């Protein structure tokens, strides 16, 4: 499997998962999530997948600051319904990193490590696309990605219909893919910590 080279330069999200530690799945429960993990889950790389990864990263950094982010101890709320737009994609990336699920996750062991009833759609949010809440402290942040500040190349709009209809040449297909991923690259490498793109509300 060959991903674009910039994937490896994207930010990494480190968490501690008590369940992983308890069962010996990861030494000390420490897990690093890379952008490649989000791509493997979603099956593609796009601005939505990248922004979901970055929104989760920013929210966890704000909630935990200098302490380790604890997977499985976070509630995630989405403003949209589960079947609206890209809400499902965003939720799946948030679930990957936080462990939070609606009703399909791990039910726990001996009253511990439950992952269910921690992900909710159609919630009233004041500002963001997502709200993350620490279950131990109740501290919450909302986050939204303003992708208009990282615009795509205008050529994408002309090339995509050609590619979708099978009319694009090999060169046009290659150009489309390069331009598409270049926007993802700029988002991940140039704007991961840009507060005008990844906006937090406390």
N, C-alpha and C. Protein backbone atom coordinates (compact mmCIF):
# COMPACT_ATOMS: atom_id res chain seq x y z
N UNK A 1 0.85 -1.19 0.00
CA UNK A 1 0.00 0.00 0.00
C UNK A 1 0.88 1.24 0.00
N UNK A 2 0.63 2.12 -0.93
CA UNK A 2 1.44 3.34 -1.04
C UNK A 2 0.56 4.56 -0.88
N UNK A 3 0.70 5.22 0.26
CA UNK A 3 -0.02 6.47 0.49
C UNK A 3 0.83 7.64 0.00
N UNK A 4 0.22 8.79 -0.24
CA UNK A 4 1.01 9.99 -0.53
C UNK A 4 2.02 10.25 0.59
N UNK A 5 3.18 10.75 0.22
CA UNK A 5 4.27 10.94 1.19
C UNK A 5 3.89 11.87 2.33
N UNK A 6 3.03 12.85 2.06
CA UNK A 6 2.73 13.84 3.10
C UNK A 6 1.94 13.24 4.26
N UNK A 7 1.32 12.08 4.06
CA UNK A 7 0.56 11.48 5.15
C UNK A 7 1.43 11.29 6.40
N UNK A 8 2.68 10.89 6.19
CA UNK A 8 3.56 10.60 7.33
C UNK A 8 3.99 11.86 8.06
N UNK A 9 3.85 13.01 7.41
CA UNK A 9 4.23 14.27 8.04
C UNK A 9 3.07 14.92 8.79
N UNK A 10 1.89 14.36 8.67
CA UNK A 10 0.71 14.92 9.34
C UNK A 10 0.82 14.75 10.85
N UNK A 11 0.12 15.57 11.62
CA UNK A 11 0.16 15.43 13.08
C UNK A 11 -0.28 14.06 13.54
N UNK A 12 0.20 13.69 14.71
CA UNK A 12 -0.14 12.41 15.33
C UNK A 12 -0.90 12.69 16.63
N UNK A 13 -1.91 11.89 16.91
CA UNK A 13 -2.69 12.04 18.13
C UNK A 13 -2.37 10.87 19.06
N UNK A 14 -1.79 11.17 20.21
CA UNK A 14 -1.44 10.13 21.18
C UNK A 14 -2.48 10.09 22.29
N UNK A 15 -2.98 8.90 22.58
CA UNK A 15 -3.95 8.72 23.66
C UNK A 15 -3.50 7.56 24.54
N UNK A 16 -4.12 7.49 25.70
CA UNK A 16 -3.97 6.30 26.54
C UNK A 16 -5.35 5.64 26.61
N UNK A 17 -5.38 4.38 26.29
CA UNK A 17 -6.62 3.62 26.32
C UNK A 17 -6.52 2.60 27.45
N UNK A 18 -7.21 2.83 28.57
CA UNK A 18 -7.11 1.90 29.70
C UNK A 18 -7.48 0.47 29.34
N UNK A 19 -8.44 0.30 28.43
CA UNK A 19 -8.83 -1.04 28.01
C UNK A 19 -7.70 -1.73 27.26
N UNK A 20 -7.05 -1.00 26.38
CA UNK A 20 -5.92 -1.57 25.64
C UNK A 20 -4.80 -1.96 26.60
N UNK A 21 -4.57 -1.13 27.61
CA UNK A 21 -3.57 -1.48 28.60
C UNK A 21 -3.96 -2.68 29.42
N UNK A 22 -5.22 -2.73 29.83
CA UNK A 22 -5.71 -3.83 30.66
C UNK A 22 -5.58 -5.17 29.95
N UNK A 23 -5.89 -5.19 28.66
CA UNK A 23 -5.88 -6.43 27.89
C UNK A 23 -4.54 -6.70 27.20
N UNK A 24 -3.59 -5.81 27.40
CA UNK A 24 -2.27 -6.02 26.81
C UNK A 24 -2.18 -5.76 25.33
N UNK A 25 -3.13 -4.99 24.80
CA UNK A 25 -3.11 -4.69 23.36
C UNK A 25 -2.07 -3.63 23.01
N UNK A 26 -1.72 -2.80 23.97
CA UNK A 26 -0.72 -1.75 23.75
C UNK A 26 0.00 -1.53 25.07
N UNK A 27 1.31 -1.45 25.02
CA UNK A 27 2.11 -1.26 26.23
C UNK A 27 1.69 0.01 26.94
N UNK A 28 1.24 -0.15 28.19
CA UNK A 28 0.81 1.00 28.96
C UNK A 28 -0.48 1.63 28.45
N UNK A 29 -1.11 0.99 27.46
CA UNK A 29 -2.34 1.55 26.89
C UNK A 29 -2.10 2.71 25.94
N UNK A 30 -0.84 2.98 25.60
CA UNK A 30 -0.51 4.13 24.76
C UNK A 30 -0.74 3.76 23.29
N UNK A 31 -1.53 4.57 22.59
CA UNK A 31 -1.80 4.37 21.17
C UNK A 31 -1.60 5.68 20.44
N UNK A 32 -0.88 5.62 19.33
CA UNK A 32 -0.71 6.78 18.45
C UNK A 32 -1.62 6.61 17.24
N UNK A 33 -2.44 7.60 16.99
CA UNK A 33 -3.29 7.59 15.81
C UNK A 33 -2.71 8.54 14.76
N UNK A 34 -2.51 7.99 13.58
CA UNK A 34 -1.95 8.73 12.45
C UNK A 34 -3.05 9.00 11.43
N UNK A 35 -2.80 9.94 10.55
CA UNK A 35 -3.79 10.24 9.51
C UNK A 35 -4.06 9.01 8.65
N UNK A 36 -3.03 8.18 8.45
CA UNK A 36 -3.24 6.96 7.68
C UNK A 36 -4.33 6.07 8.30
N UNK A 37 -4.43 6.09 9.62
CA UNK A 37 -5.47 5.29 10.30
C UNK A 37 -6.86 5.79 9.92
N UNK A 38 -7.01 7.10 9.86
CA UNK A 38 -8.30 7.67 9.47
C UNK A 38 -8.63 7.33 8.03
N UNK A 39 -7.61 7.35 7.17
CA UNK A 39 -7.82 7.02 5.76
C UNK A 39 -8.20 5.55 5.60
N UNK A 40 -7.54 4.69 6.35
CA UNK A 40 -7.89 3.26 6.29
C UNK A 40 -9.34 3.04 6.73
N UNK A 41 -9.76 3.77 7.75
CA UNK A 41 -11.13 3.62 8.24
C UNK A 41 -12.14 4.14 7.21
N UNK A 42 -11.89 5.34 6.70
CA UNK A 42 -12.83 5.96 5.76
C UNK A 42 -12.75 5.36 4.37
N UNK A 43 -11.59 4.83 4.02
CA UNK A 43 -11.39 4.30 2.68
C UNK A 43 -11.00 5.35 1.67
N UNK A 44 -10.79 6.59 2.13
CA UNK A 44 -10.38 7.65 1.22
C UNK A 44 -9.78 8.80 2.02
N UNK A 45 -9.14 9.70 1.31
CA UNK A 45 -8.56 10.90 1.92
C UNK A 45 -9.18 12.12 1.27
N UNK A 46 -9.79 12.96 2.09
CA UNK A 46 -10.46 14.15 1.58
C UNK A 46 -10.44 15.22 2.67
N UNK A 47 -10.84 16.46 2.36
CA UNK A 47 -10.86 17.50 3.37
C UNK A 47 -11.75 17.17 4.58
N UNK A 48 -12.83 16.44 4.36
CA UNK A 48 -13.70 16.07 5.49
C UNK A 48 -12.98 15.14 6.44
N UNK A 49 -12.33 14.11 5.92
CA UNK A 49 -11.60 13.17 6.77
C UNK A 49 -10.47 13.90 7.49
N UNK A 50 -9.75 14.73 6.76
CA UNK A 50 -8.64 15.47 7.37
C UNK A 50 -9.14 16.44 8.44
N UNK A 51 -10.23 17.15 8.16
CA UNK A 51 -10.72 18.12 9.14
C UNK A 51 -11.29 17.42 10.36
N UNK A 52 -11.93 16.27 10.19
CA UNK A 52 -12.43 15.52 11.34
C UNK A 52 -11.27 15.09 12.23
N UNK A 53 -10.19 14.64 11.61
CA UNK A 53 -8.99 14.25 12.35
C UNK A 53 -8.43 15.45 13.12
N UNK A 54 -8.36 16.60 12.45
CA UNK A 54 -7.79 17.80 13.09
C UNK A 54 -8.72 18.39 14.14
N UNK A 55 -10.03 18.34 13.91
CA UNK A 55 -10.96 18.84 14.92
C UNK A 55 -10.87 18.00 16.20
N UNK A 56 -10.78 16.70 16.04
CA UNK A 56 -10.65 15.82 17.20
C UNK A 56 -9.34 16.10 17.92
N UNK A 57 -8.28 16.24 17.17
CA UNK A 57 -6.97 16.55 17.75
C UNK A 57 -7.00 17.85 18.55
N UNK A 58 -7.56 18.89 17.96
CA UNK A 58 -7.60 20.19 18.63
C UNK A 58 -8.46 20.16 19.89
N UNK A 59 -9.60 19.49 19.80
CA UNK A 59 -10.49 19.43 20.96
C UNK A 59 -9.85 18.67 22.11
N UNK A 60 -9.20 17.56 21.83
CA UNK A 60 -8.56 16.78 22.89
C UNK A 60 -7.39 17.54 23.49
N UNK A 61 -6.65 18.26 22.66
CA UNK A 61 -5.54 19.07 23.18
C UNK A 61 -6.06 20.14 24.13
N UNK A 62 -7.19 20.75 23.79
CA UNK A 62 -7.77 21.78 24.64
C UNK A 62 -8.32 21.20 25.94
N UNK A 63 -8.90 20.02 25.87
CA UNK A 63 -9.49 19.40 27.05
C UNK A 63 -8.44 18.89 28.02
N UNK A 64 -7.36 18.35 27.49
CA UNK A 64 -6.37 17.70 28.35
C UNK A 64 -5.09 18.49 28.51
N UNK A 65 -4.88 19.49 27.69
CA UNK A 65 -3.70 20.35 27.75
C UNK A 65 -2.43 19.50 27.84
N UNK A 66 -1.72 19.54 28.96
CA UNK A 66 -0.45 18.83 29.06
C UNK A 66 -0.58 17.39 29.55
N UNK A 67 -1.79 16.96 29.86
CA UNK A 67 -1.98 15.59 30.33
C UNK A 67 -2.38 14.67 29.17
N UNK A 68 -2.27 13.39 29.39
CA UNK A 68 -2.58 12.42 28.35
C UNK A 68 -4.07 12.35 28.07
N UNK A 69 -4.44 12.33 26.81
CA UNK A 69 -5.83 12.19 26.42
C UNK A 69 -6.27 10.75 26.72
N UNK A 70 -7.43 10.58 27.32
CA UNK A 70 -7.88 9.26 27.75
C UNK A 70 -8.97 8.75 26.81
N UNK A 71 -8.64 7.77 26.03
CA UNK A 71 -9.61 7.18 25.11
C UNK A 71 -10.64 6.37 25.90
N UNK A 72 -11.90 6.53 25.55
CA UNK A 72 -12.96 5.82 26.24
C UNK A 72 -13.61 6.63 27.35
N UNK A 73 -13.06 7.80 27.63
CA UNK A 73 -13.60 8.64 28.71
C UNK A 73 -14.06 10.00 28.18
N UNK A 74 -14.53 9.99 26.93
CA UNK A 74 -14.92 11.22 26.26
C UNK A 74 -16.28 11.04 25.61
N UNK A 75 -17.15 12.02 25.79
CA UNK A 75 -18.44 12.05 25.09
C UNK A 75 -18.29 12.94 23.87
N UNK A 76 -18.91 12.51 22.76
CA UNK A 76 -18.87 13.27 21.52
C UNK A 76 -20.30 13.58 21.08
N UNK A 77 -20.59 14.84 20.84
CA UNK A 77 -21.89 15.27 20.33
C UNK A 77 -21.71 15.92 18.96
N UNK A 78 -22.59 15.58 18.04
CA UNK A 78 -22.61 16.19 16.72
C UNK A 78 -23.88 17.00 16.55
N UNK A 79 -23.76 18.13 15.85
CA UNK A 79 -24.93 18.97 15.63
C UNK A 79 -25.88 18.34 14.62
N UNK A 80 -25.35 17.64 13.63
CA UNK A 80 -26.19 17.10 12.57
C UNK A 80 -26.75 15.73 12.92
N UNK A 81 -27.80 15.34 12.19
CA UNK A 81 -28.35 14.01 12.34
C UNK A 81 -27.38 12.99 11.74
N UNK A 82 -27.53 11.74 12.11
CA UNK A 82 -26.58 10.72 11.68
C UNK A 82 -26.55 10.51 10.17
N UNK A 83 -27.66 10.84 9.48
CA UNK A 83 -27.71 10.60 8.04
C UNK A 83 -27.54 11.88 7.23
N UNK A 84 -27.16 12.96 7.87
CA UNK A 84 -27.00 14.23 7.17
C UNK A 84 -25.58 14.38 6.62
N UNK A 85 -25.49 14.75 5.35
CA UNK A 85 -24.22 15.10 4.75
C UNK A 85 -23.08 14.16 5.08
N UNK A 86 -22.02 14.73 5.66
CA UNK A 86 -20.83 13.95 6.01
C UNK A 86 -20.74 13.68 7.51
N UNK A 87 -21.88 13.81 8.21
CA UNK A 87 -21.87 13.61 9.66
C UNK A 87 -21.35 12.22 10.03
N UNK A 88 -21.76 11.21 9.27
CA UNK A 88 -21.32 9.86 9.57
C UNK A 88 -19.83 9.67 9.43
N UNK A 89 -19.25 10.31 8.42
CA UNK A 89 -17.80 10.23 8.23
C UNK A 89 -17.08 10.90 9.39
N UNK A 90 -17.52 12.10 9.74
CA UNK A 90 -16.90 12.83 10.85
C UNK A 90 -17.02 12.03 12.14
N UNK A 91 -18.20 11.47 12.39
CA UNK A 91 -18.41 10.69 13.62
C UNK A 91 -17.50 9.47 13.67
N UNK A 92 -17.29 8.82 12.53
CA UNK A 92 -16.45 7.62 12.52
C UNK A 92 -15.01 7.94 12.87
N UNK A 93 -14.52 9.10 12.43
CA UNK A 93 -13.15 9.49 12.76
C UNK A 93 -13.06 9.84 14.25
N UNK A 94 -14.07 10.54 14.76
CA UNK A 94 -14.09 10.86 16.19
C UNK A 94 -14.14 9.58 17.02
N UNK A 95 -14.92 8.60 16.58
CA UNK A 95 -15.00 7.32 17.28
C UNK A 95 -13.66 6.60 17.27
N UNK A 96 -13.00 6.60 16.12
CA UNK A 96 -11.69 5.95 16.02
C UNK A 96 -10.75 6.44 17.12
N UNK A 97 -10.72 7.74 17.32
CA UNK A 97 -9.72 8.33 18.22
C UNK A 97 -10.19 8.35 19.67
N UNK A 98 -11.48 8.58 19.90
CA UNK A 98 -11.97 8.70 21.28
C UNK A 98 -12.56 7.41 21.83
N UNK A 99 -12.97 6.50 20.94
CA UNK A 99 -13.63 5.28 21.38
C UNK A 99 -15.12 5.43 21.61
N UNK A 100 -15.63 6.66 21.55
CA UNK A 100 -17.04 6.91 21.83
C UNK A 100 -17.93 6.33 20.74
N UNK A 101 -18.95 5.56 21.15
CA UNK A 101 -19.93 5.03 20.19
C UNK A 101 -21.34 5.29 20.69
N UNK A 102 -22.29 5.14 19.78
CA UNK A 102 -23.70 5.31 20.15
C UNK A 102 -24.19 4.10 20.92
N UNK A 103 -24.42 2.99 20.23
CA UNK A 103 -24.93 1.81 20.92
C UNK A 103 -24.31 0.51 20.39
N UNK A 104 -23.25 0.65 19.63
CA UNK A 104 -22.65 -0.54 19.01
C UNK A 104 -21.26 -0.86 19.53
N UNK A 105 -20.73 -0.05 20.42
CA UNK A 105 -19.38 -0.26 20.90
C UNK A 105 -19.27 -1.33 21.98
N UNK A 106 -18.07 -1.47 22.48
CA UNK A 106 -17.79 -2.45 23.53
C UNK A 106 -18.59 -2.11 24.78
N UNK A 107 -19.24 -3.12 25.36
CA UNK A 107 -20.13 -2.86 26.50
C UNK A 107 -19.41 -2.87 27.84
N UNK A 108 -18.13 -3.21 27.84
CA UNK A 108 -17.35 -3.12 29.06
C UNK A 108 -17.09 -4.46 29.73
N UNK A 109 -16.26 -4.39 30.77
CA UNK A 109 -15.90 -5.55 31.58
C UNK A 109 -16.05 -5.17 33.05
N UNK A 110 -16.89 -5.90 33.77
CA UNK A 110 -17.04 -5.64 35.19
C UNK A 110 -17.40 -4.21 35.51
N UNK A 111 -18.20 -3.61 34.63
CA UNK A 111 -18.62 -2.23 34.88
C UNK A 111 -17.61 -1.19 34.45
N UNK A 112 -16.53 -1.60 33.82
CA UNK A 112 -15.50 -0.68 33.36
C UNK A 112 -15.36 -0.76 31.83
N UNK A 113 -14.77 0.26 31.26
CA UNK A 113 -14.37 0.30 29.85
C UNK A 113 -15.56 0.35 28.89
N UNK A 114 -16.72 0.75 29.34
CA UNK A 114 -17.88 0.85 28.45
C UNK A 114 -17.65 1.94 27.41
N UNK A 115 -17.98 1.64 26.16
CA UNK A 115 -17.82 2.61 25.08
C UNK A 115 -19.17 3.07 24.51
N UNK A 116 -20.26 2.50 25.01
CA UNK A 116 -21.58 2.81 24.47
C UNK A 116 -22.18 4.06 25.10
N UNK A 117 -23.14 4.62 24.38
CA UNK A 117 -23.88 5.81 24.84
C UNK A 117 -22.95 6.97 25.15
N UNK A 118 -21.98 7.16 24.25
CA UNK A 118 -21.05 8.28 24.39
C UNK A 118 -20.94 9.10 23.11
N UNK A 119 -21.73 8.72 22.11
CA UNK A 119 -21.75 9.44 20.83
C UNK A 119 -23.20 9.76 20.49
N UNK A 120 -23.48 11.06 20.25
CA UNK A 120 -24.85 11.49 20.04
C UNK A 120 -24.95 12.45 18.86
N UNK A 121 -25.98 12.25 18.04
CA UNK A 121 -26.25 13.10 16.90
C UNK A 121 -27.40 14.05 17.23
N UNK A 122 -27.55 15.06 16.36
CA UNK A 122 -28.67 16.02 16.45
C UNK A 122 -28.73 16.69 17.82
N UNK A 123 -27.57 17.10 18.29
CA UNK A 123 -27.50 17.76 19.60
C UNK A 123 -27.42 19.28 19.44
N UNK A 124 -27.96 20.02 20.39
CA UNK A 124 -27.93 21.49 20.30
C UNK A 124 -26.54 22.04 20.66
N UNK A 125 -25.80 22.42 19.66
CA UNK A 125 -24.48 23.00 19.86
C UNK A 125 -24.55 24.50 19.59
N UNK A 126 -23.82 25.26 20.37
CA UNK A 126 -23.86 26.72 20.23
C UNK A 126 -23.06 27.21 19.03
N UNK A 127 -21.93 26.56 18.76
CA UNK A 127 -21.03 27.08 17.73
C UNK A 127 -20.52 26.03 16.75
N UNK A 128 -20.22 24.87 17.24
CA UNK A 128 -19.41 23.96 16.46
C UNK A 128 -20.14 22.87 15.71
N UNK A 129 -19.34 22.09 15.01
CA UNK A 129 -19.79 20.86 14.36
C UNK A 129 -19.82 19.72 15.35
N UNK A 130 -18.84 19.76 16.27
CA UNK A 130 -18.66 18.72 17.27
C UNK A 130 -18.49 19.34 18.64
N UNK A 131 -18.94 18.60 19.67
CA UNK A 131 -18.63 18.97 21.05
C UNK A 131 -18.00 17.74 21.71
N UNK A 132 -16.88 17.94 22.37
CA UNK A 132 -16.20 16.88 23.11
C UNK A 132 -16.25 17.22 24.59
N UNK A 133 -16.62 16.24 25.40
CA UNK A 133 -16.76 16.45 26.83
C UNK A 133 -15.98 15.39 27.59
N UNK A 134 -15.14 15.83 28.51
CA UNK A 134 -14.45 14.89 29.40
C UNK A 134 -15.45 14.36 30.43
N UNK A 135 -15.59 13.07 30.53
CA UNK A 135 -16.56 12.50 31.45
C UNK A 135 -16.10 12.56 32.89
N UNK A 136 -14.80 12.73 33.12
CA UNK A 136 -14.32 12.81 34.51
C UNK A 136 -14.48 14.19 35.11
N UNK A 137 -14.42 15.23 34.28
CA UNK A 137 -14.49 16.59 34.80
C UNK A 137 -15.71 17.36 34.31
N UNK A 138 -16.34 16.90 33.21
CA UNK A 138 -17.46 17.63 32.63
C UNK A 138 -17.04 18.79 31.76
N UNK A 139 -15.74 19.03 31.64
CA UNK A 139 -15.25 20.10 30.79
C UNK A 139 -15.53 19.79 29.33
N UNK A 140 -15.99 20.80 28.58
CA UNK A 140 -16.37 20.57 27.19
C UNK A 140 -15.83 21.68 26.29
N UNK A 141 -15.60 21.32 25.04
CA UNK A 141 -15.24 22.29 24.01
C UNK A 141 -16.02 21.95 22.75
N UNK A 142 -16.33 22.98 21.98
CA UNK A 142 -16.93 22.78 20.66
C UNK A 142 -15.89 23.15 19.61
N UNK A 143 -16.00 22.54 18.45
CA UNK A 143 -15.01 22.78 17.40
C UNK A 143 -15.68 22.70 16.04
N UNK A 144 -15.20 23.52 15.13
CA UNK A 144 -15.70 23.52 13.75
C UNK A 144 -14.51 23.80 12.83
N UNK A 145 -14.55 23.25 11.64
CA UNK A 145 -13.51 23.49 10.65
C UNK A 145 -14.05 24.42 9.57
N UNK A 146 -13.34 25.51 9.31
CA UNK A 146 -13.73 26.43 8.24
C UNK A 146 -12.86 26.12 7.02
N UNK A 147 -13.35 25.20 6.20
CA UNK A 147 -12.58 24.75 5.04
C UNK A 147 -12.54 25.78 3.92
N UNK A 148 -13.36 26.82 4.01
CA UNK A 148 -13.31 27.86 2.99
C UNK A 148 -11.98 28.60 3.00
N UNK A 149 -11.27 28.51 4.12
CA UNK A 149 -9.97 29.17 4.22
C UNK A 149 -8.84 28.35 3.60
N UNK A 150 -9.18 27.14 3.18
CA UNK A 150 -8.20 26.30 2.48
C UNK A 150 -8.87 25.83 1.19
N UNK A 151 -9.03 26.73 0.23
CA UNK A 151 -9.81 26.40 -0.96
C UNK A 151 -9.09 25.40 -1.86
N UNK A 152 -9.89 24.67 -2.59
CA UNK A 152 -9.34 23.75 -3.57
C UNK A 152 -8.99 24.48 -4.86
N UNK A 153 -8.22 23.83 -5.71
CA UNK A 153 -7.86 24.39 -7.01
C UNK A 153 -9.11 24.41 -7.90
N UNK A 154 -9.35 25.52 -8.59
CA UNK A 154 -10.54 25.60 -9.46
C UNK A 154 -10.61 24.51 -10.52
N UNK A 155 -9.46 23.97 -10.89
CA UNK A 155 -9.45 22.93 -11.91
C UNK A 155 -10.15 21.65 -11.45
N UNK A 156 -10.23 21.46 -10.14
CA UNK A 156 -10.88 20.25 -9.61
C UNK A 156 -12.33 20.18 -10.06
N UNK A 157 -13.01 21.32 -10.05
CA UNK A 157 -14.41 21.35 -10.43
C UNK A 157 -14.65 20.95 -11.88
N UNK A 158 -13.68 21.16 -12.73
CA UNK A 158 -13.80 20.78 -14.14
C UNK A 158 -13.37 19.33 -14.36
N UNK A 159 -12.38 18.90 -13.59
CA UNK A 159 -11.85 17.56 -13.78
C UNK A 159 -12.72 16.47 -13.16
N UNK A 160 -13.34 16.76 -12.02
CA UNK A 160 -14.11 15.72 -11.34
C UNK A 160 -15.22 15.14 -12.22
N UNK A 161 -16.05 15.96 -12.90
CA UNK A 161 -17.09 15.36 -13.75
C UNK A 161 -16.52 14.48 -14.85
N UNK A 162 -15.38 14.87 -15.39
CA UNK A 162 -14.76 14.05 -16.43
C UNK A 162 -14.32 12.71 -15.87
N UNK A 163 -13.75 12.74 -14.66
CA UNK A 163 -13.31 11.50 -14.03
C UNK A 163 -14.49 10.61 -13.65
N UNK A 164 -15.53 11.21 -13.13
CA UNK A 164 -16.71 10.44 -12.72
C UNK A 164 -17.42 9.80 -13.90
N UNK A 165 -17.40 10.49 -15.03
CA UNK A 165 -18.10 9.98 -16.21
C UNK A 165 -17.25 9.06 -17.07
N UNK A 166 -15.97 8.91 -16.68
CA UNK A 166 -15.08 8.05 -17.44
C UNK A 166 -14.53 8.69 -18.70
N UNK A 167 -14.69 10.00 -18.84
CA UNK A 167 -14.22 10.70 -20.04
C UNK A 167 -12.83 11.28 -19.88
N UNK A 168 -12.30 11.29 -18.66
CA UNK A 168 -10.99 11.88 -18.41
C UNK A 168 -9.88 11.03 -18.99
N UNK A 169 -8.87 11.69 -19.51
CA UNK A 169 -7.68 10.98 -19.96
C UNK A 169 -6.87 10.54 -18.75
N UNK A 170 -5.88 9.70 -18.98
CA UNK A 170 -5.01 9.26 -17.88
C UNK A 170 -4.33 10.46 -17.23
N UNK A 171 -3.91 11.40 -18.05
CA UNK A 171 -3.24 12.60 -17.53
C UNK A 171 -4.20 13.44 -16.71
N UNK A 172 -5.43 13.55 -17.16
CA UNK A 172 -6.43 14.33 -16.41
C UNK A 172 -6.78 13.66 -15.08
N UNK A 173 -6.85 12.34 -15.07
CA UNK A 173 -7.11 11.62 -13.83
C UNK A 173 -5.98 11.86 -12.83
N UNK A 174 -4.75 11.80 -13.31
CA UNK A 174 -3.59 12.03 -12.44
C UNK A 174 -3.59 13.45 -11.90
N UNK A 175 -3.94 14.41 -12.76
CA UNK A 175 -3.99 15.80 -12.33
C UNK A 175 -5.06 16.00 -11.28
N UNK A 176 -6.23 15.41 -11.50
CA UNK A 176 -7.31 15.52 -10.52
C UNK A 176 -6.88 14.98 -9.16
N UNK A 177 -6.30 13.79 -9.14
CA UNK A 177 -5.88 13.18 -7.88
C UNK A 177 -4.84 14.04 -7.17
N UNK A 178 -3.89 14.57 -7.93
CA UNK A 178 -2.84 15.39 -7.33
C UNK A 178 -3.42 16.67 -6.73
N UNK A 179 -4.31 17.30 -7.45
CA UNK A 179 -4.92 18.54 -6.96
C UNK A 179 -5.79 18.28 -5.74
N UNK A 180 -6.53 17.17 -5.78
CA UNK A 180 -7.40 16.82 -4.65
C UNK A 180 -6.59 16.61 -3.39
N UNK A 181 -5.55 15.83 -3.49
CA UNK A 181 -4.74 15.54 -2.32
C UNK A 181 -3.89 16.73 -1.88
N UNK A 182 -3.61 17.65 -2.81
CA UNK A 182 -2.85 18.84 -2.41
C UNK A 182 -3.64 19.69 -1.43
N UNK A 183 -4.94 19.75 -1.60
CA UNK A 183 -5.75 20.50 -0.63
C UNK A 183 -5.70 19.81 0.73
N UNK A 184 -5.78 18.50 0.75
CA UNK A 184 -5.66 17.76 2.00
C UNK A 184 -4.30 18.01 2.63
N UNK A 185 -3.25 18.00 1.81
CA UNK A 185 -1.89 18.24 2.32
C UNK A 185 -1.79 19.61 2.97
N UNK A 186 -2.32 20.63 2.31
CA UNK A 186 -2.25 21.98 2.87
C UNK A 186 -3.00 22.07 4.19
N UNK A 187 -4.14 21.42 4.24
CA UNK A 187 -4.94 21.43 5.46
C UNK A 187 -4.17 20.78 6.61
N UNK A 188 -3.60 19.61 6.37
CA UNK A 188 -2.91 18.85 7.42
C UNK A 188 -1.57 19.46 7.83
N UNK A 189 -0.84 19.97 6.86
CA UNK A 189 0.53 20.43 7.16
C UNK A 189 0.62 21.92 7.42
N UNK A 190 -0.21 22.70 6.75
CA UNK A 190 -0.10 24.16 6.88
C UNK A 190 -1.12 24.77 7.83
N UNK A 191 -2.22 24.06 8.10
CA UNK A 191 -3.30 24.66 8.87
C UNK A 191 -3.77 23.83 10.06
N UNK A 192 -3.02 22.82 10.43
CA UNK A 192 -3.43 21.96 11.55
C UNK A 192 -3.61 22.76 12.83
N UNK A 193 -2.78 23.79 13.02
CA UNK A 193 -2.84 24.60 14.23
C UNK A 193 -3.32 26.02 13.95
N UNK A 194 -3.99 26.19 12.84
CA UNK A 194 -4.49 27.50 12.46
C UNK A 194 -5.86 27.72 13.11
N UNK A 195 -5.97 28.64 14.06
CA UNK A 195 -7.25 28.83 14.77
C UNK A 195 -8.34 29.43 13.89
N UNK A 196 -7.97 29.94 12.72
CA UNK A 196 -8.98 30.43 11.81
C UNK A 196 -9.60 29.32 10.98
N UNK A 197 -8.92 28.18 10.93
CA UNK A 197 -9.42 27.02 10.19
C UNK A 197 -10.06 26.01 11.14
N UNK A 198 -9.34 25.64 12.19
CA UNK A 198 -9.86 24.74 13.21
C UNK A 198 -10.22 25.60 14.41
N UNK A 199 -11.50 25.91 14.52
CA UNK A 199 -11.95 26.90 15.51
C UNK A 199 -12.53 26.21 16.75
N UNK A 200 -12.00 26.60 17.89
CA UNK A 200 -12.43 26.05 19.17
C UNK A 200 -13.29 27.06 19.92
N UNK A 201 -14.31 26.54 20.60
CA UNK A 201 -15.17 27.36 21.45
C UNK A 201 -15.30 26.68 22.80
N UNK A 202 -14.92 27.38 23.84
CA UNK A 202 -14.95 26.82 25.19
C UNK A 202 -16.22 27.25 25.92
